[in-house]
């Protein structure tokens, strides 16, 4: 069971799992070893949630539209519960995220962080940097030329 002190680290790994490319998560999870014995509390199910936005990033909130989300919940033999919420319709990714969430609450957390979470974060950071470099290469600098002589 997690307490108030555990909220920020858990929020960080759940966010990482939700944003991770499904193929990368599946590949790293497969390398981490077999899934532990667990009970499925909520089989992966697909639904929709309302996405909200803010005008200019800080204005009044408004309903932007619905997005598809898949969620799952598991309980390990040792009692830890894990939850996975991912954007899209990927049931396997949601179940994997729930299993990792549950395992991150056990003594297996350091091994799992090293085998799955850290490489996943590094891959995602590298991909974001590559996108930023590609975007920077197309940046156009505008300037104004002065016509005639200034008096």
Protein backbone atom coordinates (compact mmCIF):
# COMPACT_ATOMS: atom_id res chain seq x y z
CA UNK A 1 0.00 0.00 0.00
CA UNK A 2 1.34 3.41 -0.85
CA UNK A 3 1.27 6.40 1.43
CA UNK A 4 1.50 10.16 0.88
CA UNK A 5 5.31 10.07 0.63
CA UNK A 6 5.08 7.56 -2.22
CA UNK A 7 2.75 9.63 -4.40
CA UNK A 8 5.33 11.63 -6.42
CA UNK A 9 7.58 8.69 -7.42
CA UNK A 10 4.52 6.62 -8.28
CA UNK A 11 3.01 9.47 -10.27
CA UNK A 12 6.29 9.72 -12.21
CA UNK A 13 6.48 6.03 -13.16
CA UNK A 14 2.77 5.86 -14.02
CA UNK A 15 3.21 8.90 -16.28
CA UNK A 16 6.23 7.31 -17.93
CA UNK A 17 4.34 4.06 -18.52
CA UNK A 18 1.31 5.88 -19.94
CA UNK A 19 3.39 7.93 -22.40
CA UNK A 20 5.77 5.15 -23.44
CA UNK A 21 5.59 3.67 -26.93
CA UNK A 22 3.84 0.30 -26.65
CA UNK A 23 6.54 -1.54 -28.62
CA UNK A 24 9.35 -0.25 -26.38
CA UNK A 25 7.44 -1.12 -23.23
CA UNK A 26 6.64 -4.62 -24.48
CA UNK A 27 10.27 -5.24 -25.51
CA UNK A 28 11.73 -4.11 -22.17
CA UNK A 29 9.04 -5.95 -20.17
CA UNK A 30 9.80 -9.18 -22.05
CA UNK A 31 13.51 -8.83 -21.17
CA UNK A 32 12.64 -8.24 -17.48
CA UNK A 33 11.44 -11.82 -17.07
CA UNK A 34 8.12 -13.57 -16.65
CA UNK A 35 5.14 -11.80 -15.10
CA UNK A 36 4.65 -12.63 -11.42
CA UNK A 37 1.62 -14.51 -10.15
CA UNK A 38 -1.25 -12.06 -10.02
CA UNK A 39 -5.02 -11.71 -10.00
CA UNK A 40 -6.70 -9.42 -12.51
CA UNK A 41 -8.95 -7.06 -10.57
CA UNK A 42 -10.10 -5.16 -13.63
CA UNK A 43 -9.49 -6.77 -16.98
CA UNK A 44 -8.31 -4.25 -19.58
CA UNK A 45 -11.27 -2.21 -20.72
CA UNK A 46 -11.56 0.59 -23.24
CA UNK A 47 -13.46 3.79 -22.57
CA UNK A 48 -13.37 7.51 -23.23
CA UNK A 49 -12.44 10.45 -21.07
CA UNK A 50 -12.96 14.16 -21.63
CA UNK A 51 -9.77 16.04 -22.40
CA UNK A 52 -9.70 19.59 -21.12
CA UNK A 53 -7.65 22.49 -22.40
CA UNK A 54 -6.92 26.10 -21.47
CA UNK A 55 -6.86 29.00 -23.90
CA UNK A 56 -3.28 30.22 -24.07
CA UNK A 57 -2.24 27.60 -21.54
CA UNK A 58 -3.48 29.65 -18.60
CA UNK A 59 -7.00 30.81 -19.53
CA UNK A 60 -10.33 29.39 -18.52
CA UNK A 61 -10.59 25.61 -18.92
CA UNK A 62 -12.77 24.22 -21.68
CA UNK A 63 -13.73 20.76 -22.92
CA UNK A 64 -11.46 19.95 -25.84
CA UNK A 65 -12.97 16.58 -26.74
CA UNK A 66 -12.92 12.92 -25.81
CA UNK A 67 -9.93 10.61 -26.06
CA UNK A 68 -9.86 6.83 -25.91
CA UNK A 69 -8.25 5.32 -22.80
CA UNK A 70 -7.63 1.73 -21.73
CA UNK A 71 -7.36 0.81 -18.07
CA UNK A 72 -6.50 -2.32 -16.09
CA UNK A 73 -5.91 -3.29 -12.45
CA UNK A 74 -4.08 -6.25 -10.90
CA UNK A 75 -3.18 -7.59 -7.44
CA UNK A 76 0.02 -9.54 -6.83
CA UNK A 77 0.06 -12.63 -4.61
CA UNK A 78 1.77 -10.48 -1.98
CA UNK A 79 -1.14 -8.00 -1.94
CA UNK A 80 0.21 -5.01 -3.88
CA UNK A 81 -2.28 -3.51 -6.34
CA UNK A 82 -1.27 -1.94 -9.61
CA UNK A 83 -3.22 0.21 -12.03
CA UNK A 84 -2.54 1.03 -15.65
CA UNK A 85 -4.19 3.80 -17.67
CA UNK A 86 -2.97 4.37 -21.22
CA UNK A 87 -4.18 6.48 -24.10
CA UNK A 88 -5.59 4.49 -26.97
CA UNK A 89 -6.96 0.96 -27.29
CA UNK A 90 -3.93 -1.12 -26.26
CA UNK A 91 -5.12 -3.69 -23.71
CA UNK A 92 -1.72 -5.39 -23.45
CA UNK A 93 0.00 -2.09 -22.66
CA UNK A 94 -2.55 -1.25 -19.95
CA UNK A 95 -2.10 -4.67 -18.32
CA UNK A 96 1.69 -4.39 -18.51
CA UNK A 97 1.56 -0.92 -16.95
CA UNK A 98 -0.62 -2.28 -14.11
CA UNK A 99 1.81 -5.15 -13.45
CA UNK A 100 4.80 -2.81 -13.42
CA UNK A 101 2.95 -0.42 -11.09
CA UNK A 102 2.27 -3.27 -8.66
CA UNK A 103 5.86 -4.57 -8.84
CA UNK A 104 7.28 -1.08 -8.26
CA UNK A 105 5.68 -1.25 -4.81
CA UNK A 106 7.72 -4.35 -3.89
CA UNK A 107 11.36 -5.20 -3.27
CA UNK A 108 11.68 -5.83 -7.04
CA UNK A 109 11.45 -2.06 -7.68
CA UNK A 110 15.21 -1.38 -8.09
CA UNK A 111 15.63 -4.28 -10.54
CA UNK A 112 12.55 -3.23 -12.49
CA UNK A 113 13.64 0.41 -12.56
CA UNK A 114 17.00 -0.63 -14.00
CA UNK A 115 15.55 -3.12 -16.50
CA UNK A 116 12.46 -1.23 -17.70
CA UNK A 117 11.87 2.30 -16.44
CA UNK A 118 15.35 3.81 -16.83
CA UNK A 119 15.89 2.47 -20.38
CA UNK A 120 12.37 3.56 -21.31
CA UNK A 121 12.98 7.08 -19.99
CA UNK A 122 16.29 7.24 -21.86
CA UNK A 123 14.66 6.13 -25.13
CA UNK A 124 11.88 8.68 -24.76
CA UNK A 125 14.34 11.48 -23.92
CA UNK A 126 16.46 10.60 -26.96
CA UNK A 127 13.37 10.60 -29.19
CA UNK A 128 12.28 14.00 -27.84
CA UNK A 129 15.76 15.44 -28.42
CA UNK A 130 15.79 14.09 -31.98
CA UNK A 131 12.42 15.74 -32.64
CA UNK A 132 13.73 19.02 -31.18
CA UNK A 133 16.86 18.87 -33.38
CA UNK A 134 14.73 18.19 -36.45
CA UNK A 135 12.44 21.10 -35.62
CA UNK A 136 15.40 23.41 -34.91
CA UNK A 137 16.84 22.62 -38.34
CA UNK A 138 13.74 24.13 -39.95
CA UNK A 139 13.68 27.26 -37.80
CA UNK A 140 13.55 30.49 -39.77
CA UNK A 141 15.02 33.69 -38.38
CA UNK A 142 13.18 36.81 -39.49
CA UNK A 143 14.79 40.23 -39.51
CA UNK A 144 13.90 43.65 -40.81
CA UNK A 145 16.11 45.54 -43.19
CA UNK A 146 16.16 49.30 -42.94
CA UNK A 147 15.44 51.05 -46.23
CA UNK A 148 17.30 54.24 -46.97
CA UNK A 149 19.45 56.30 -44.68
CA UNK A 150 18.44 56.89 -41.10
CA UNK A 151 18.53 60.57 -40.18
